Amino acid sequence: MLVHPWDATLDDSEWRDWVATTDRFGVLAVNNRDVMQAPLVVPTHFTIADSQLLVHLARPNPVWSHLEHANEVRMVVTGDYAYVPSYWRAKDDVPREHGVPTSYYAAVQFVCRPHIVDDPQGKAKILAAQMADFQPEGQHAPIAAGEAPYGRMLPGIRGLRLSVTRVEAKFKYDDHTSVERRQQISDQLEQRGRGLDAGAASQQRRRTGRVGEWRP
């Protein structure tokens, strides 16, 4: 992922805080064993546990044979994105129709070493951690190997622990342009109110408040 200096995360807490506010839903990218074929990508929820990402997938998923031979994989999370029209970004000394459009977005990519989990107790621990993450209100039966109702379902899935080796984060919100221009675009995004415009505007305002006028 290309990350210009003005798009780079300001510190680790920035991307951590952003991921914590998402649904922790990403795309798992795995190299194809056949290098002439496209990589495999799997959309999935994941849970962050210290320096690992926890995932479970259905046993028939075709990605498993490729994961078994993978040294590294990526989990990609993208959000708060918006298309910014050309005429919003035109410089003051050129006609509006000469502006250059762009995309705003936040993206975090986790580079990981995969560890497949097949033992029932290990899979139950992953499911319990994910339930606690995504369903903190509870209202589900205990998750334990050999116990109803979930124990009998465990053979149908495999677990995956992804040990994070590095993180690449990007917040692309025109930080290298003037504060005035960014504030104008944030206003326009909020007025347009389409898709994730509000989230993109919020990210741009937050970054503007921290960065101010960009200095290399």
N, C-alpha and C. Protein backbone atom coordinates (compact mmCIF):
# COMPACT_ATOMS: atom_id res chain seq x y z
N MET A 1 0.85 -1.18 0.00
CA MET A 1 0.00 0.00 0.00
C MET A 1 0.90 1.25 0.00
N LEU A 2 0.64 2.12 -0.95
CA LEU A 2 1.39 3.37 -1.01
C LEU A 2 0.90 4.30 0.10
N VAL A 3 1.84 4.79 0.90
CA VAL A 3 1.51 5.71 1.97
C VAL A 3 2.42 6.93 1.86
N HIS A 4 1.86 8.05 1.39
CA HIS A 4 2.62 9.28 1.36
C HIS A 4 2.83 9.78 2.79
N PRO A 5 3.88 10.56 3.02
CA PRO A 5 4.13 11.05 4.38
C PRO A 5 2.93 11.75 5.01
N TRP A 6 2.17 12.51 4.21
CA TRP A 6 1.03 13.24 4.76
C TRP A 6 -0.19 12.35 5.00
N ASP A 7 -0.14 11.11 4.52
CA ASP A 7 -1.23 10.18 4.76
C ASP A 7 -0.91 9.19 5.87
N ALA A 8 0.31 9.20 6.37
CA ALA A 8 0.74 8.19 7.34
C ALA A 8 0.03 8.38 8.68
N THR A 9 -0.13 7.27 9.39
CA THR A 9 -0.71 7.35 10.72
C THR A 9 0.19 8.19 11.62
N LEU A 10 -0.42 9.00 12.47
CA LEU A 10 0.34 9.91 13.31
C LEU A 10 1.00 9.18 14.48
N ASP A 11 0.40 8.09 14.91
CA ASP A 11 0.97 7.24 15.95
C ASP A 11 0.14 5.95 15.99
N ASP A 12 0.62 4.96 16.73
CA ASP A 12 -0.08 3.68 16.78
C ASP A 12 -1.49 3.82 17.36
N SER A 13 -1.66 4.73 18.29
CA SER A 13 -2.98 4.86 18.91
C SER A 13 -4.03 5.31 17.89
N GLU A 14 -3.59 6.03 16.84
CA GLU A 14 -4.56 6.50 15.85
C GLU A 14 -5.22 5.33 15.14
N TRP A 15 -4.43 4.41 14.60
CA TRP A 15 -5.05 3.29 13.89
C TRP A 15 -5.74 2.34 14.87
N ARG A 16 -5.18 2.18 16.07
CA ARG A 16 -5.83 1.30 17.05
C ARG A 16 -7.21 1.83 17.43
N ASP A 17 -7.28 3.13 17.69
CA ASP A 17 -8.57 3.73 18.05
C ASP A 17 -9.56 3.62 16.90
N TRP A 18 -9.07 3.81 15.66
CA TRP A 18 -9.98 3.73 14.52
C TRP A 18 -10.52 2.31 14.34
N VAL A 19 -9.65 1.31 14.40
CA VAL A 19 -10.10 -0.08 14.25
C VAL A 19 -11.09 -0.44 15.35
N ALA A 20 -10.85 0.06 16.56
CA ALA A 20 -11.74 -0.26 17.67
C ALA A 20 -13.15 0.27 17.46
N THR A 21 -13.28 1.33 16.64
CA THR A 21 -14.60 1.91 16.40
C THR A 21 -15.29 1.28 15.19
N THR A 22 -14.60 0.40 14.47
CA THR A 22 -15.20 -0.27 13.32
C THR A 22 -15.87 -1.56 13.78
N ASP A 23 -16.46 -2.27 12.84
CA ASP A 23 -17.04 -3.58 13.14
C ASP A 23 -16.00 -4.68 13.07
N ARG A 24 -14.73 -4.29 12.92
CA ARG A 24 -13.63 -5.25 12.79
C ARG A 24 -13.99 -6.31 11.75
N PHE A 25 -14.34 -5.80 10.59
CA PHE A 25 -14.66 -6.63 9.44
C PHE A 25 -13.68 -6.28 8.33
N GLY A 26 -12.97 -7.28 7.82
CA GLY A 26 -11.97 -7.01 6.81
C GLY A 26 -11.93 -8.08 5.74
N VAL A 27 -10.90 -8.00 4.93
CA VAL A 27 -10.68 -8.98 3.87
C VAL A 27 -9.34 -9.67 4.14
N LEU A 28 -9.38 -10.97 4.28
CA LEU A 28 -8.18 -11.77 4.46
C LEU A 28 -7.64 -12.13 3.08
N ALA A 29 -6.39 -11.71 2.80
CA ALA A 29 -5.77 -11.96 1.50
C ALA A 29 -4.67 -13.01 1.66
N VAL A 30 -4.76 -14.06 0.84
CA VAL A 30 -3.83 -15.19 0.93
C VAL A 30 -3.29 -15.50 -0.46
N ASN A 31 -1.98 -15.67 -0.55
CA ASN A 31 -1.39 -16.03 -1.84
C ASN A 31 -1.93 -17.36 -2.34
N ASN A 32 -2.16 -17.43 -3.63
CA ASN A 32 -2.58 -18.68 -4.27
C ASN A 32 -1.38 -19.60 -4.40
N ARG A 33 -1.56 -20.88 -4.13
CA ARG A 33 -0.46 -21.84 -4.30
C ARG A 33 -0.01 -21.88 -5.75
N ASP A 34 -0.93 -21.65 -6.65
CA ASP A 34 -0.61 -21.53 -8.07
C ASP A 34 -0.33 -20.06 -8.36
N VAL A 35 0.93 -19.72 -8.53
CA VAL A 35 1.30 -18.31 -8.67
C VAL A 35 0.72 -17.68 -9.93
N MET A 36 0.23 -18.49 -10.85
CA MET A 36 -0.38 -17.96 -12.06
C MET A 36 -1.85 -17.60 -11.85
N GLN A 37 -2.39 -17.96 -10.69
CA GLN A 37 -3.79 -17.68 -10.39
C GLN A 37 -3.89 -16.52 -9.40
N ALA A 38 -5.05 -15.91 -9.36
CA ALA A 38 -5.27 -14.77 -8.47
C ALA A 38 -5.20 -15.18 -7.00
N PRO A 39 -4.80 -14.27 -6.12
CA PRO A 39 -4.84 -14.55 -4.68
C PRO A 39 -6.27 -14.83 -4.24
N LEU A 40 -6.38 -15.47 -3.09
CA LEU A 40 -7.69 -15.71 -2.51
C LEU A 40 -7.99 -14.60 -1.51
N VAL A 41 -9.21 -14.09 -1.52
CA VAL A 41 -9.62 -13.06 -0.57
C VAL A 41 -10.90 -13.52 0.11
N VAL A 42 -10.92 -13.38 1.43
CA VAL A 42 -12.04 -13.87 2.22
C VAL A 42 -12.56 -12.74 3.11
N PRO A 43 -13.77 -12.25 2.89
CA PRO A 43 -14.34 -11.26 3.81
C PRO A 43 -14.74 -11.92 5.12
N THR A 44 -14.34 -11.31 6.24
CA THR A 44 -14.63 -11.95 7.52
C THR A 44 -14.48 -10.97 8.68
N HIS A 45 -15.20 -11.22 9.75
CA HIS A 45 -14.96 -10.52 11.01
C HIS A 45 -13.69 -11.08 11.65
N PHE A 46 -13.06 -10.26 12.48
CA PHE A 46 -11.90 -10.73 13.23
C PHE A 46 -11.90 -10.04 14.59
N THR A 47 -11.26 -10.66 15.54
CA THR A 47 -11.13 -10.11 16.89
C THR A 47 -9.66 -9.89 17.17
N ILE A 48 -9.33 -8.75 17.76
CA ILE A 48 -7.95 -8.46 18.14
C ILE A 48 -7.72 -8.95 19.56
N ALA A 49 -6.71 -9.78 19.73
CA ALA A 49 -6.35 -10.31 21.05
C ALA A 49 -4.85 -10.14 21.22
N ASP A 50 -4.46 -9.08 21.91
CA ASP A 50 -3.04 -8.75 22.08
C ASP A 50 -2.40 -8.56 20.70
N SER A 51 -1.44 -9.40 20.35
CA SER A 51 -0.75 -9.26 19.06
C SER A 51 -1.26 -10.26 18.03
N GLN A 52 -2.47 -10.75 18.23
CA GLN A 52 -3.06 -11.71 17.29
C GLN A 52 -4.44 -11.25 16.84
N LEU A 53 -4.81 -11.70 15.63
CA LEU A 53 -6.17 -11.57 15.15
C LEU A 53 -6.79 -12.95 15.18
N LEU A 54 -8.00 -13.04 15.69
CA LEU A 54 -8.70 -14.32 15.80
C LEU A 54 -9.81 -14.40 14.76
N VAL A 55 -9.83 -15.51 14.04
CA VAL A 55 -10.78 -15.71 12.94
C VAL A 55 -11.28 -17.15 12.99
N HIS A 56 -12.51 -17.37 12.55
CA HIS A 56 -12.95 -18.74 12.27
C HIS A 56 -13.67 -18.73 10.93
N LEU A 57 -13.48 -19.81 10.17
CA LEU A 57 -14.09 -19.94 8.86
C LEU A 57 -14.66 -21.34 8.70
N ALA A 58 -15.61 -21.49 7.80
CA ALA A 58 -16.20 -22.80 7.55
C ALA A 58 -15.14 -23.76 6.99
N ARG A 59 -15.22 -24.99 7.41
CA ARG A 59 -14.24 -25.99 6.96
C ARG A 59 -14.22 -26.16 5.44
N PRO A 60 -15.36 -26.05 4.72
CA PRO A 60 -15.29 -26.21 3.25
C PRO A 60 -14.67 -25.02 2.52
N ASN A 61 -14.31 -23.95 3.23
CA ASN A 61 -13.76 -22.77 2.56
C ASN A 61 -12.52 -23.16 1.76
N PRO A 62 -12.44 -22.80 0.48
CA PRO A 62 -11.30 -23.20 -0.35
C PRO A 62 -9.97 -22.55 0.04
N VAL A 63 -10.00 -21.61 0.97
CA VAL A 63 -8.76 -20.91 1.33
C VAL A 63 -7.81 -21.77 2.17
N TRP A 64 -8.34 -22.83 2.80
CA TRP A 64 -7.52 -23.56 3.79
C TRP A 64 -6.27 -24.18 3.18
N SER A 65 -6.37 -24.80 2.04
CA SER A 65 -5.19 -25.44 1.47
C SER A 65 -4.10 -24.43 1.13
N HIS A 66 -4.50 -23.20 0.86
CA HIS A 66 -3.53 -22.15 0.56
C HIS A 66 -2.95 -21.58 1.86
N LEU A 67 -3.78 -21.48 2.89
CA LEU A 67 -3.29 -21.03 4.18
C LEU A 67 -2.25 -21.99 4.75
N GLU A 68 -2.45 -23.26 4.51
CA GLU A 68 -1.52 -24.26 5.05
C GLU A 68 -0.11 -24.10 4.50
N HIS A 69 0.02 -23.43 3.36
CA HIS A 69 1.33 -23.23 2.73
C HIS A 69 1.79 -21.77 2.80
N ALA A 70 1.04 -20.93 3.51
CA ALA A 70 1.35 -19.49 3.53
C ALA A 70 2.24 -19.14 4.72
N ASN A 71 3.29 -18.38 4.44
CA ASN A 71 4.12 -17.84 5.52
C ASN A 71 3.57 -16.51 6.02
N GLU A 72 2.97 -15.74 5.13
CA GLU A 72 2.39 -14.45 5.51
C GLU A 72 1.05 -14.26 4.79
N VAL A 73 0.16 -13.56 5.48
CA VAL A 73 -1.13 -13.18 4.89
C VAL A 73 -1.40 -11.73 5.32
N ARG A 74 -2.41 -11.14 4.72
CA ARG A 74 -2.82 -9.79 5.09
C ARG A 74 -4.30 -9.77 5.47
N MET A 75 -4.59 -9.02 6.52
CA MET A 75 -5.98 -8.68 6.83
C MET A 75 -6.13 -7.19 6.55
N VAL A 76 -7.05 -6.85 5.66
CA VAL A 76 -7.20 -5.47 5.19
C VAL A 76 -8.54 -4.91 5.66
N VAL A 77 -8.49 -3.75 6.31
CA VAL A 77 -9.69 -3.08 6.79
C VAL A 77 -9.74 -1.69 6.16
N THR A 78 -10.85 -1.34 5.55
CA THR A 78 -11.01 -0.04 4.90
C THR A 78 -12.34 0.57 5.31
N GLY A 79 -12.35 1.88 5.53
CA GLY A 79 -13.61 2.52 5.90
C GLY A 79 -13.53 4.03 5.78
N ASP A 80 -14.60 4.69 6.19
CA ASP A 80 -14.70 6.15 6.15
C ASP A 80 -14.20 6.70 4.82
N TYR A 81 -14.69 6.10 3.73
CA TYR A 81 -14.23 6.50 2.40
C TYR A 81 -15.29 7.35 1.70
N ALA A 82 -14.80 8.16 0.77
CA ALA A 82 -15.69 9.04 0.00
C ALA A 82 -14.99 9.46 -1.28
N TYR A 83 -15.76 9.62 -2.32
CA TYR A 83 -15.25 10.20 -3.57
C TYR A 83 -15.35 11.72 -3.45
N VAL A 84 -14.24 12.39 -3.78
CA VAL A 84 -14.20 13.85 -3.72
C VAL A 84 -14.14 14.37 -5.15
N PRO A 85 -15.18 15.08 -5.62
CA PRO A 85 -15.25 15.53 -7.02
C PRO A 85 -14.11 16.48 -7.37
N SER A 86 -13.80 16.52 -8.64
CA SER A 86 -12.71 17.37 -9.13
C SER A 86 -12.93 18.83 -8.79
N TYR A 87 -14.15 19.33 -8.97
CA TYR A 87 -14.40 20.76 -8.80
C TYR A 87 -14.34 21.20 -7.34
N TRP A 88 -14.39 20.24 -6.39
CA TRP A 88 -14.20 20.60 -4.98
C TRP A 88 -12.74 20.91 -4.68
N ARG A 89 -11.83 20.35 -5.48
CA ARG A 89 -10.40 20.44 -5.16
C ARG A 89 -9.63 21.38 -6.10
N ALA A 90 -10.33 22.07 -6.97
CA ALA A 90 -9.65 22.96 -7.91
C ALA A 90 -8.92 24.07 -7.16
N LYS A 91 -7.71 24.34 -7.58
CA LYS A 91 -6.94 25.43 -6.97
C LYS A 91 -7.57 26.77 -7.34
N ASP A 92 -7.28 27.76 -6.54
CA ASP A 92 -7.93 29.06 -6.71
C ASP A 92 -7.56 29.74 -8.02
N ASP A 93 -6.40 29.39 -8.58
CA ASP A 93 -5.95 30.09 -9.79
C ASP A 93 -6.27 29.33 -11.08
N VAL A 94 -7.14 28.31 -11.00
CA VAL A 94 -7.54 27.58 -12.21
C VAL A 94 -9.06 27.45 -12.23
N PRO A 95 -9.66 27.23 -13.40
CA PRO A 95 -11.11 27.01 -13.47
C PRO A 95 -11.51 25.79 -12.64
N ARG A 96 -12.71 25.80 -12.10
CA ARG A 96 -13.19 24.69 -11.26
C ARG A 96 -13.14 23.36 -12.00
N GLU A 97 -13.43 23.41 -13.31
CA GLU A 97 -13.46 22.16 -14.07
C GLU A 97 -12.07 21.59 -14.32
N HIS A 98 -11.02 22.29 -13.90
CA HIS A 98 -9.66 21.78 -14.04
C HIS A 98 -9.17 21.09 -12.76
N GLY A 99 -10.02 20.96 -11.80
CA GLY A 99 -9.64 20.30 -10.55
C GLY A 99 -9.38 18.82 -10.75
N VAL A 100 -8.72 18.22 -9.77
CA VAL A 100 -8.37 16.80 -9.83
C VAL A 100 -9.12 16.06 -8.72
N PRO A 101 -9.92 15.06 -9.08
CA PRO A 101 -10.67 14.33 -8.06
C PRO A 101 -9.76 13.41 -7.25
N THR A 102 -10.27 12.91 -6.15
CA THR A 102 -9.51 11.95 -5.36
C THR A 102 -10.48 11.11 -4.53
N SER A 103 -9.92 10.15 -3.83
CA SER A 103 -10.68 9.33 -2.88
C SER A 103 -10.12 9.57 -1.49
N TYR A 104 -11.00 9.72 -0.53
CA TYR A 104 -10.61 9.74 0.88
C TYR A 104 -10.90 8.37 1.47
N TYR A 105 -10.05 7.93 2.37
CA TYR A 105 -10.32 6.66 3.06
C TYR A 105 -9.33 6.45 4.20
N ALA A 106 -9.75 5.61 5.12
CA ALA A 106 -8.86 5.10 6.16
C ALA A 106 -8.64 3.62 5.85
N ALA A 107 -7.40 3.16 6.01
CA ALA A 107 -7.09 1.76 5.72
C ALA A 107 -6.02 1.27 6.69
N VAL A 108 -6.24 0.09 7.21
CA VAL A 108 -5.24 -0.58 8.06
C VAL A 108 -5.02 -1.97 7.50
N GLN A 109 -3.76 -2.32 7.29
CA GLN A 109 -3.41 -3.65 6.80
C GLN A 109 -2.51 -4.34 7.82
N PHE A 110 -2.97 -5.50 8.28
CA PHE A 110 -2.19 -6.30 9.21
C PHE A 110 -1.45 -7.38 8.42
N VAL A 111 -0.14 -7.41 8.52
CA VAL A 111 0.65 -8.48 7.93
C VAL A 111 0.88 -9.52 9.02
N CYS A 112 0.51 -10.77 8.75
CA CYS A 112 0.45 -11.78 9.81
C CYS A 112 1.04 -13.12 9.38
N ARG A 113 1.44 -13.89 10.38
CA ARG A 113 1.78 -15.29 10.18
C ARG A 113 0.59 -16.13 10.64
N PRO A 114 0.07 -16.99 9.75
CA PRO A 114 -1.14 -17.74 10.11
C PRO A 114 -0.85 -19.03 10.88
N HIS A 115 -1.70 -19.31 11.84
CA HIS A 115 -1.62 -20.56 12.62
C HIS A 115 -3.03 -21.16 12.64
N ILE A 116 -3.19 -22.30 12.01
CA ILE A 116 -4.50 -22.94 11.91
C ILE A 116 -4.77 -23.71 13.20
N VAL A 117 -6.00 -23.61 13.68
CA VAL A 117 -6.41 -24.26 14.93
C VAL A 117 -7.49 -25.28 14.61
N ASP A 118 -7.21 -26.55 14.91
CA ASP A 118 -8.17 -27.62 14.64
C ASP A 118 -8.66 -28.33 15.90
N ASP A 119 -7.93 -28.19 17.01
CA ASP A 119 -8.40 -28.91 18.20
C ASP A 119 -9.65 -28.23 18.75
N PRO A 120 -10.62 -29.01 19.23
CA PRO A 120 -11.91 -28.45 19.65
C PRO A 120 -11.78 -27.38 20.73
N GLN A 121 -10.91 -27.60 21.71
CA GLN A 121 -10.77 -26.62 22.78
C GLN A 121 -10.24 -25.29 22.24
N GLY A 122 -9.27 -25.38 21.33
CA GLY A 122 -8.72 -24.16 20.73
C GLY A 122 -9.76 -23.41 19.93
N LYS A 123 -10.58 -24.13 19.19
CA LYS A 123 -11.63 -23.47 18.41
C LYS A 123 -12.68 -22.85 19.33
N ALA A 124 -13.00 -23.55 20.41
CA ALA A 124 -13.98 -23.00 21.35
C ALA A 124 -13.46 -21.70 21.97
N LYS A 125 -12.17 -21.62 22.26
CA LYS A 125 -11.60 -20.40 22.83
C LYS A 125 -11.70 -19.23 21.84
N ILE A 126 -11.45 -19.52 20.57
CA ILE A 126 -11.57 -18.46 19.56
C ILE A 126 -13.01 -17.99 19.46
N LEU A 127 -13.96 -18.92 19.42
CA LEU A 127 -15.37 -18.52 19.32
C LEU A 127 -15.80 -17.74 20.56
N ALA A 128 -15.36 -18.16 21.73
CA ALA A 128 -15.73 -17.46 22.96
C ALA A 128 -15.18 -16.03 22.95
N ALA A 129 -13.95 -15.87 22.48
CA ALA A 129 -13.35 -14.53 22.40
C ALA A 129 -14.11 -13.65 21.42
N GLN A 130 -14.52 -14.23 20.29
CA GLN A 130 -15.25 -13.44 19.30
C GLN A 130 -16.65 -13.09 19.80
N MET A 131 -17.29 -14.02 20.50
CA MET A 131 -18.60 -13.72 21.07
C MET A 131 -18.49 -12.57 22.08
N ALA A 132 -17.46 -12.61 22.92
CA ALA A 132 -17.27 -11.55 23.91
C ALA A 132 -17.01 -10.21 23.25
N ASP A 133 -16.35 -10.25 22.09
CA ASP A 133 -16.03 -9.03 21.35
C ASP A 133 -17.27 -8.45 20.68
N PHE A 134 -17.97 -9.27 19.93
CA PHE A 134 -19.06 -8.78 19.09
C PHE A 134 -20.43 -8.84 19.76
N GLN A 135 -20.53 -9.63 20.81
CA GLN A 135 -21.82 -9.76 21.51
C GLN A 135 -21.58 -9.64 23.01
N PRO A 136 -21.08 -8.49 23.45
CA PRO A 136 -20.72 -8.34 24.87
C PRO A 136 -21.93 -8.42 25.81
N GLU A 137 -23.12 -8.25 25.25
CA GLU A 137 -24.31 -8.35 26.09
C GLU A 137 -24.62 -9.80 26.48
N GLY A 138 -23.88 -10.75 25.90
CA GLY A 138 -24.10 -12.16 26.24
C GLY A 138 -25.29 -12.72 25.50
N GLN A 139 -26.23 -13.32 26.27
CA GLN A 139 -27.44 -13.92 25.72
C GLN A 139 -27.11 -15.04 24.74
N HIS A 140 -26.07 -15.81 25.06
CA HIS A 140 -25.77 -17.02 24.30
C HIS A 140 -25.34 -18.10 25.27
N ALA A 141 -25.49 -19.34 24.83
CA ALA A 141 -25.11 -20.48 25.67
C ALA A 141 -23.59 -20.53 25.83
N PRO A 142 -23.09 -21.22 26.86
CA PRO A 142 -21.65 -21.38 27.02
C PRO A 142 -21.04 -22.06 25.79
N ILE A 143 -19.82 -21.65 25.47
CA ILE A 143 -19.13 -22.22 24.31
C ILE A 143 -18.02 -23.11 24.83
N ALA A 144 -18.21 -24.41 24.68
CA ALA A 144 -17.23 -25.37 25.18
C ALA A 144 -17.27 -26.62 24.32
N ALA A 145 -16.10 -27.20 24.08
CA ALA A 145 -16.03 -28.44 23.30
C ALA A 145 -16.82 -29.54 24.00
N GLY A 146 -17.63 -30.24 23.22
CA GLY A 146 -18.39 -31.36 23.75
C GLY A 146 -19.67 -30.99 24.46
N GLU A 147 -19.99 -29.70 24.52
CA GLU A 147 -21.21 -29.27 25.20
C GLU A 147 -22.16 -28.62 24.20
N ALA A 148 -23.45 -28.95 24.35
CA ALA A 148 -24.47 -28.35 23.49
C ALA A 148 -24.64 -26.88 23.85
N PRO A 149 -25.04 -26.05 22.89
CA PRO A 149 -25.34 -26.42 21.50
C PRO A 149 -24.15 -26.27 20.56
N TYR A 150 -23.11 -25.54 20.98
CA TYR A 150 -22.05 -25.19 20.04
C TYR A 150 -21.02 -26.29 19.85
N GLY A 151 -20.88 -27.14 20.85
CA GLY A 151 -19.86 -28.18 20.77
C GLY A 151 -20.02 -29.07 19.55
N ARG A 152 -21.25 -29.41 19.22
CA ARG A 152 -21.47 -30.30 18.07
C ARG A 152 -21.23 -29.60 16.74
N MET A 153 -21.15 -28.25 16.76
CA MET A 153 -20.93 -27.50 15.53
C MET A 153 -19.45 -27.29 15.23
N LEU A 154 -18.59 -27.50 16.22
CA LEU A 154 -17.18 -27.20 16.05
C LEU A 154 -16.51 -27.95 14.90
N PRO A 155 -16.88 -29.21 14.61
CA PRO A 155 -16.24 -29.88 13.47
C PRO A 155 -16.46 -29.17 12.13
N GLY A 156 -17.47 -28.33 12.05
CA GLY A 156 -17.79 -27.66 10.79
C GLY A 156 -16.95 -26.43 10.52
N ILE A 157 -16.08 -26.05 11.48
CA ILE A 157 -15.25 -24.86 11.29
C ILE A 157 -13.79 -25.18 11.59
N ARG A 158 -12.93 -24.28 11.19
CA ARG A 158 -11.52 -24.31 11.60
C ARG A 158 -11.20 -22.92 12.14
N GLY A 159 -10.31 -22.88 13.12
CA GLY A 159 -9.92 -21.60 13.69
C GLY A 159 -8.63 -21.10 13.07
N LEU A 160 -8.39 -19.81 13.24
CA LEU A 160 -7.19 -19.20 12.67
C LEU A 160 -6.70 -18.12 13.62
N ARG A 161 -5.45 -18.27 14.04
CA ARG A 161 -4.78 -17.24 14.83
C ARG A 161 -3.75 -16.58 13.93
N LEU A 162 -3.88 -15.29 13.75
CA LEU A 162 -2.98 -14.54 12.88
C LEU A 162 -2.05 -13.70 13.76
N SER A 163 -0.79 -14.09 13.82
CA SER A 163 0.19 -13.35 14.62
C SER A 163 0.66 -12.14 13.83
N VAL A 164 0.40 -10.96 14.33
CA VAL A 164 0.70 -9.73 13.61
C VAL A 164 2.20 -9.44 13.67
N THR A 165 2.82 -9.31 12.50
CA THR A 165 4.24 -8.99 12.44
C THR A 165 4.48 -7.51 12.15
N ARG A 166 3.54 -6.87 11.44
CA ARG A 166 3.64 -5.42 11.24
C ARG A 166 2.28 -4.90 10.80
N VAL A 167 2.14 -3.59 10.94
CA VAL A 167 0.88 -2.93 10.59
C VAL A 167 1.18 -1.76 9.67
N GLU A 168 0.43 -1.67 8.58
CA GLU A 168 0.53 -0.54 7.65
C GLU A 168 -0.79 0.21 7.71
N ALA A 169 -0.72 1.49 8.07
CA ALA A 169 -1.94 2.28 8.24
C ALA A 169 -1.87 3.54 7.40
N LYS A 170 -3.04 3.97 6.93
CA LYS A 170 -3.12 5.15 6.05
C LYS A 170 -4.43 5.88 6.30
N PHE A 171 -4.32 7.22 6.42
CA PHE A 171 -5.49 8.06 6.56
C PHE A 171 -5.38 9.15 5.49
N LYS A 172 -6.06 8.92 4.38
CA LYS A 172 -5.90 9.77 3.19
C LYS A 172 -7.01 10.82 3.15
N TYR A 173 -6.69 12.01 3.68
CA TYR A 173 -7.69 13.07 3.78
C TYR A 173 -7.12 14.44 3.41
N ASP A 174 -6.20 14.47 2.44
CA ASP A 174 -5.69 15.74 1.90
C ASP A 174 -4.92 16.57 2.92
N ASP A 175 -4.20 15.92 3.83
CA ASP A 175 -3.49 16.67 4.87
C ASP A 175 -2.46 17.64 4.29
N HIS A 176 -2.02 17.39 3.06
CA HIS A 176 -0.99 18.26 2.48
C HIS A 176 -1.59 19.51 1.84
N THR A 177 -2.90 19.65 1.83
CA THR A 177 -3.53 20.87 1.31
C THR A 177 -3.79 21.83 2.47
N SER A 178 -4.25 23.02 2.16
CA SER A 178 -4.44 24.03 3.19
C SER A 178 -5.56 23.64 4.15
N VAL A 179 -5.46 24.16 5.36
CA VAL A 179 -6.51 23.93 6.35
C VAL A 179 -7.85 24.45 5.83
N GLU A 180 -7.82 25.63 5.20
CA GLU A 180 -9.05 26.20 4.66
C GLU A 180 -9.70 25.29 3.64
N ARG A 181 -8.90 24.71 2.72
CA ARG A 181 -9.45 23.83 1.71
C ARG A 181 -10.04 22.57 2.34
N ARG A 182 -9.34 22.01 3.32
CA ARG A 182 -9.85 20.82 4.00
C ARG A 182 -11.16 21.11 4.72
N GLN A 183 -11.24 22.24 5.37
CA GLN A 183 -12.47 22.59 6.07
C GLN A 183 -13.63 22.76 5.09
N GLN A 184 -13.35 23.33 3.92
CA GLN A 184 -14.39 23.48 2.91
C GLN A 184 -14.89 22.12 2.44
N ILE A 185 -13.96 21.20 2.20
CA ILE A 185 -14.35 19.88 1.71
C ILE A 185 -15.11 19.11 2.80
N SER A 186 -14.69 19.24 4.05
CA SER A 186 -15.43 18.60 5.14
C SER A 186 -16.87 19.10 5.16
N ASP A 187 -17.05 20.41 5.00
CA ASP A 187 -18.41 20.98 4.95
C ASP A 187 -19.20 20.38 3.79
N GLN A 188 -18.56 20.28 2.63
CA GLN A 188 -19.24 19.77 1.45
C GLN A 188 -19.61 18.30 1.60
N LEU A 189 -18.73 17.53 2.23
CA LEU A 189 -19.05 16.12 2.47
C LEU A 189 -20.26 15.99 3.38
N GLU A 190 -20.31 16.79 4.43
CA GLU A 190 -21.44 16.72 5.35
C GLU A 190 -22.73 17.17 4.67
N GLN A 191 -22.63 18.17 3.83
CA GLN A 191 -23.83 18.64 3.12
C GLN A 191 -24.31 17.59 2.12
N ARG A 192 -23.36 16.92 1.45
CA ARG A 192 -23.77 15.90 0.48
C ARG A 192 -24.41 14.71 1.18
N GLY A 193 -23.81 14.24 2.25
CA GLY A 193 -24.41 13.21 3.10
C GLY A 193 -24.68 11.90 2.42
N ARG A 194 -23.81 11.49 1.53
CA ARG A 194 -24.02 10.24 0.80
C ARG A 194 -23.08 9.16 1.33
N GLY A 195 -23.57 7.93 1.45
CA GLY A 195 -22.71 6.82 1.84
C GLY A 195 -21.99 7.08 3.15
N LEU A 196 -20.64 7.05 3.10
CA LEU A 196 -19.83 7.26 4.29
C LEU A 196 -19.26 8.68 4.35
N ASP A 197 -19.93 9.63 3.71
CA ASP A 197 -19.45 11.02 3.69
C ASP A 197 -19.25 11.57 5.09
N ALA A 198 -20.19 11.30 5.99
CA ALA A 198 -20.09 11.85 7.34
C ALA A 198 -18.85 11.32 8.06
N GLY A 199 -18.59 10.03 7.88
CA GLY A 199 -17.40 9.44 8.50
C GLY A 199 -16.12 10.01 7.92
N ALA A 200 -16.10 10.21 6.59
CA ALA A 200 -14.92 10.79 5.95
C ALA A 200 -14.70 12.22 6.43
N ALA A 201 -15.76 12.99 6.54
CA ALA A 201 -15.63 14.37 7.03
C ALA A 201 -15.13 14.39 8.46
N SER A 202 -15.64 13.47 9.28
CA SER A 202 -15.20 13.41 10.67
C SER A 202 -13.71 13.09 10.76
N GLN A 203 -13.25 12.15 9.94
CA GLN A 203 -11.82 11.82 9.93
C GLN A 203 -10.98 13.00 9.46
N GLN A 204 -11.46 13.68 8.43
CA GLN A 204 -10.70 14.82 7.92
C GLN A 204 -10.62 15.93 8.97
N ARG A 205 -11.71 16.20 9.66
CA ARG A 205 -11.68 17.24 10.69
C ARG A 205 -10.75 16.84 11.84
N ARG A 206 -10.79 15.56 12.21
CA ARG A 206 -9.92 15.09 13.29
C ARG A 206 -8.45 15.25 12.91
N ARG A 207 -8.11 14.82 11.69
CA ARG A 207 -6.72 14.93 11.23
C ARG A 207 -6.31 16.40 11.10
N THR A 208 -7.20 17.23 10.60
CA THR A 208 -6.88 18.65 10.48
C THR A 208 -6.56 19.25 11.84
N GLY A 209 -7.34 18.85 12.84
CA GLY A 209 -7.10 19.37 14.19
C GLY A 209 -5.75 18.96 14.74
N ARG A 210 -5.27 17.78 14.35
CA ARG A 210 -3.98 17.32 14.86
C ARG A 210 -2.81 17.80 14.00
N VAL A 211 -3.00 17.85 12.70
CA VAL A 211 -1.91 18.16 11.80
C VAL A 211 -1.75 19.65 11.56
N GLY A 212 -2.91 20.35 11.45
CA GLY A 212 -2.86 21.76 11.08
C GLY A 212 -2.31 21.90 9.67
N GLU A 213 -1.50 22.92 9.45
CA GLU A 213 -0.85 23.09 8.14
C GLU A 213 0.28 22.08 8.02
N TRP A 214 0.25 21.31 6.95
CA TRP A 214 1.25 20.25 6.76
C TRP A 214 2.65 20.81 6.60
N ARG A 215 3.58 20.21 7.37
CA ARG A 215 4.99 20.53 7.22
C ARG A 215 5.74 19.24 7.00
N PRO A 216 6.54 19.13 5.92
CA PRO A 216 7.28 17.90 5.65
C PRO A 216 8.17 17.50 6.83
